[in-house]
Amino acid sequence: MYLKMIKEFQNYVDTYSFWGKDNATCTVYCNFQWCLAGGARDLWDQINELEDEDKVRDELSFNNHLQELTSAILGDQPN
């Protein structure tokens, strides 16, 4: 169910080309957060914090955060 939600969210972002629009980061991060509940949302809140003030949230950071969340929820998967 989790992987289906991720796939559907990525399709949503791609369909509406959010990364090419103003406020893309806020739109994507905020909308994704609304897809989560309970422990998954708590993990997301911890994972997507930026410890370095100079770092920015963008498409690359979102994908990295998403990968980290997936690993946290599903565990490390063999290649």
C-alpha atoms as a PDB file:
ATOM      1  CA  MET A   1       0.000   0.000   0.000  1.00  0.00           C
ATOM      2  CA  TYR A   2       2.875   2.363   0.860  1.00  0.00           C
ATOM      3  CA  LEU A   3       4.603   1.807  -2.491  1.00  0.00           C
ATOM      4  CA  LYS A   4       1.329   2.378  -4.349  1.00  0.00           C
ATOM      5  CA  MET A   5       0.880   5.684  -2.533  1.00  0.00           C
ATOM      6  CA  ILE A   6       4.424   6.737  -3.480  1.00  0.00           C
ATOM      7  CA  LYS A   7       3.829   5.820  -7.120  1.00  0.00           C
ATOM      8  CA  GLU A   8       0.519   7.711  -7.212  1.00  0.00           C
ATOM      9  CA  PHE A   9       2.082  10.783  -5.592  1.00  0.00           C
ATOM     10  CA  GLN A  10       4.964  10.788  -8.074  1.00  0.00           C
ATOM     11  CA  ASN A  11       2.459  10.473 -10.943  1.00  0.00           C
ATOM     12  CA  TYR A  12       0.556  13.432  -9.475  1.00  0.00           C
ATOM     13  CA  VAL A  13       3.727  15.562  -9.289  1.00  0.00           C
ATOM     14  CA  ASP A  14       4.749  14.591 -12.838  1.00  0.00           C
ATOM     15  CA  THR A  15       1.279  15.075 -14.327  1.00  0.00           C
ATOM     16  CA  TYR A  16       1.007  18.627 -13.021  1.00  0.00           C
ATOM     17  CA  SER A  17       4.722  19.439 -13.513  1.00  0.00           C
ATOM     18  CA  PHE A  18       5.026  20.924 -10.033  1.00  0.00           C
ATOM     19  CA  TRP A  19       8.820  21.118 -10.082  1.00  0.00           C
ATOM     20  CA  GLY A  20       8.710  23.679 -12.882  1.00  0.00           C
ATOM     21  CA  LYS A  21       6.355  26.050 -11.057  1.00  0.00           C
ATOM     22  CA  ASP A  22       6.734  28.778  -8.448  1.00  0.00           C
ATOM     23  CA  ASN A  23       6.658  27.497  -4.872  1.00  0.00           C
ATOM     24  CA  ALA A  24       7.261  23.956  -6.169  1.00  0.00           C
ATOM     25  CA  THR A  25       9.113  22.853  -3.062  1.00  0.00           C
ATOM     26  CA  CYS A  26       6.392  23.975  -0.680  1.00  0.00           C
ATOM     27  CA  THR A  27       3.679  22.475  -2.875  1.00  0.00           C
ATOM     28  CA  VAL A  28       5.343  19.079  -3.167  1.00  0.00           C
ATOM     29  CA  TYR A  29       6.551  18.780   0.427  1.00  0.00           C
ATOM     30  CA  CYS A  30       3.267  20.026   1.933  1.00  0.00           C
ATOM     31  CA  ASN A  31       1.079  17.842  -0.284  1.00  0.00           C
ATOM     32  CA  PHE A  32       3.202  14.781   0.409  1.00  0.00           C
ATOM     33  CA  GLN A  33       2.991  15.356   4.140  1.00  0.00           C
ATOM     34  CA  TRP A  34      -0.810  15.254   3.866  1.00  0.00           C
ATOM     35  CA  CYS A  35      -0.547  11.745   2.362  1.00  0.00           C
ATOM     36  CA  LEU A  36       1.009  10.422   5.557  1.00  0.00           C
ATOM     37  CA  ALA A  37      -0.389   9.650   8.974  1.00  0.00           C
ATOM     38  CA  GLY A  38       0.789   8.242  12.288  1.00  0.00           C
ATOM     39  CA  GLY A  39       4.283   6.824  12.506  1.00  0.00           C
ATOM     40  CA  ALA A  40       5.009   7.418   8.815  1.00  0.00           C
ATOM     41  CA  ARG A  41       4.290  11.126   9.219  1.00  0.00           C
ATOM     42  CA  ASP A  42       6.470  11.293  12.333  1.00  0.00           C
ATOM     43  CA  LEU A  43       9.324   9.658  10.402  1.00  0.00           C
ATOM     44  CA  TRP A  44       8.821  12.085   7.508  1.00  0.00           C
ATOM     45  CA  ASP A  45       8.974  15.070   9.865  1.00  0.00           C
ATOM     46  CA  GLN A  46      12.310  13.803  11.205  1.00  0.00           C
ATOM     47  CA  ILE A  47      13.758  12.858   7.814  1.00  0.00           C
ATOM     48  CA  ASN A  48      12.996  16.023   5.882  1.00  0.00           C
ATOM     49  CA  GLU A  49      14.611  18.384   8.367  1.00  0.00           C
ATOM     50  CA  LEU A  50      17.578  20.235   6.894  1.00  0.00           C
ATOM     51  CA  GLU A  51      20.391  20.430   9.417  1.00  0.00           C
ATOM     52  CA  ASP A  52      22.511  22.817   7.377  1.00  0.00           C
ATOM     53  CA  GLU A  53      21.041  26.298   6.832  1.00  0.00           C
ATOM     54  CA  ASP A  54      22.697  26.509   3.416  1.00  0.00           C
ATOM     55  CA  LYS A  55      20.930  23.426   2.086  1.00  0.00           C
ATOM     56  CA  VAL A  56      17.753  23.910   0.118  1.00  0.00           C
ATOM     57  CA  ARG A  57      14.763  21.742  -0.531  1.00  0.00           C
ATOM     58  CA  ASP A  58      14.358  20.911  -4.184  1.00  0.00           C
ATOM     59  CA  GLU A  59      13.502  17.954  -6.396  1.00  0.00           C
ATOM     60  CA  LEU A  60      16.772  16.177  -5.569  1.00  0.00           C
ATOM     61  CA  SER A  61      16.387  16.650  -1.810  1.00  0.00           C
ATOM     62  CA  PHE A  62      12.755  15.474  -1.994  1.00  0.00           C
ATOM     63  CA  ASN A  63      13.774  12.307  -3.843  1.00  0.00           C
ATOM     64  CA  ASN A  64      16.541  11.671  -1.286  1.00  0.00           C
ATOM     65  CA  HIS A  65      14.124  12.226   1.599  1.00  0.00           C
ATOM     66  CA  LEU A  66      11.584   9.940  -0.061  1.00  0.00           C
ATOM     67  CA  GLN A  67      14.200   7.216  -0.496  1.00  0.00           C
ATOM     68  CA  GLU A  68      15.232   7.563   3.145  1.00  0.00           C
ATOM     69  CA  LEU A  69      11.604   7.331   4.291  1.00  0.00           C
ATOM     70  CA  THR A  70      11.024   4.263   2.157  1.00  0.00           C
ATOM     71  CA  SER A  71      14.104   2.570   3.630  1.00  0.00           C
ATOM     72  CA  ALA A  72      12.944   3.449   7.132  1.00  0.00           C
ATOM     73  CA  ILE A  73       9.465   2.021   6.544  1.00  0.00           C
ATOM     74  CA  LEU A  74      10.305  -1.026   4.436  1.00  0.00           C
ATOM     75  CA  GLY A  75      13.849  -1.671   5.602  1.00  0.00           C
ATOM     76  CA  ASP A  76      16.850  -1.982   3.330  1.00  0.00           C
ATOM     77  CA  GLN A  77      15.940  -4.014   0.303  1.00  0.00           C
ATOM     78  CA  PRO A  78      18.494  -6.196  -1.498  1.00  0.00           C
ATOM     79  CA  ASN A  79      19.404  -5.137  -5.027  1.00  0.00           C
END
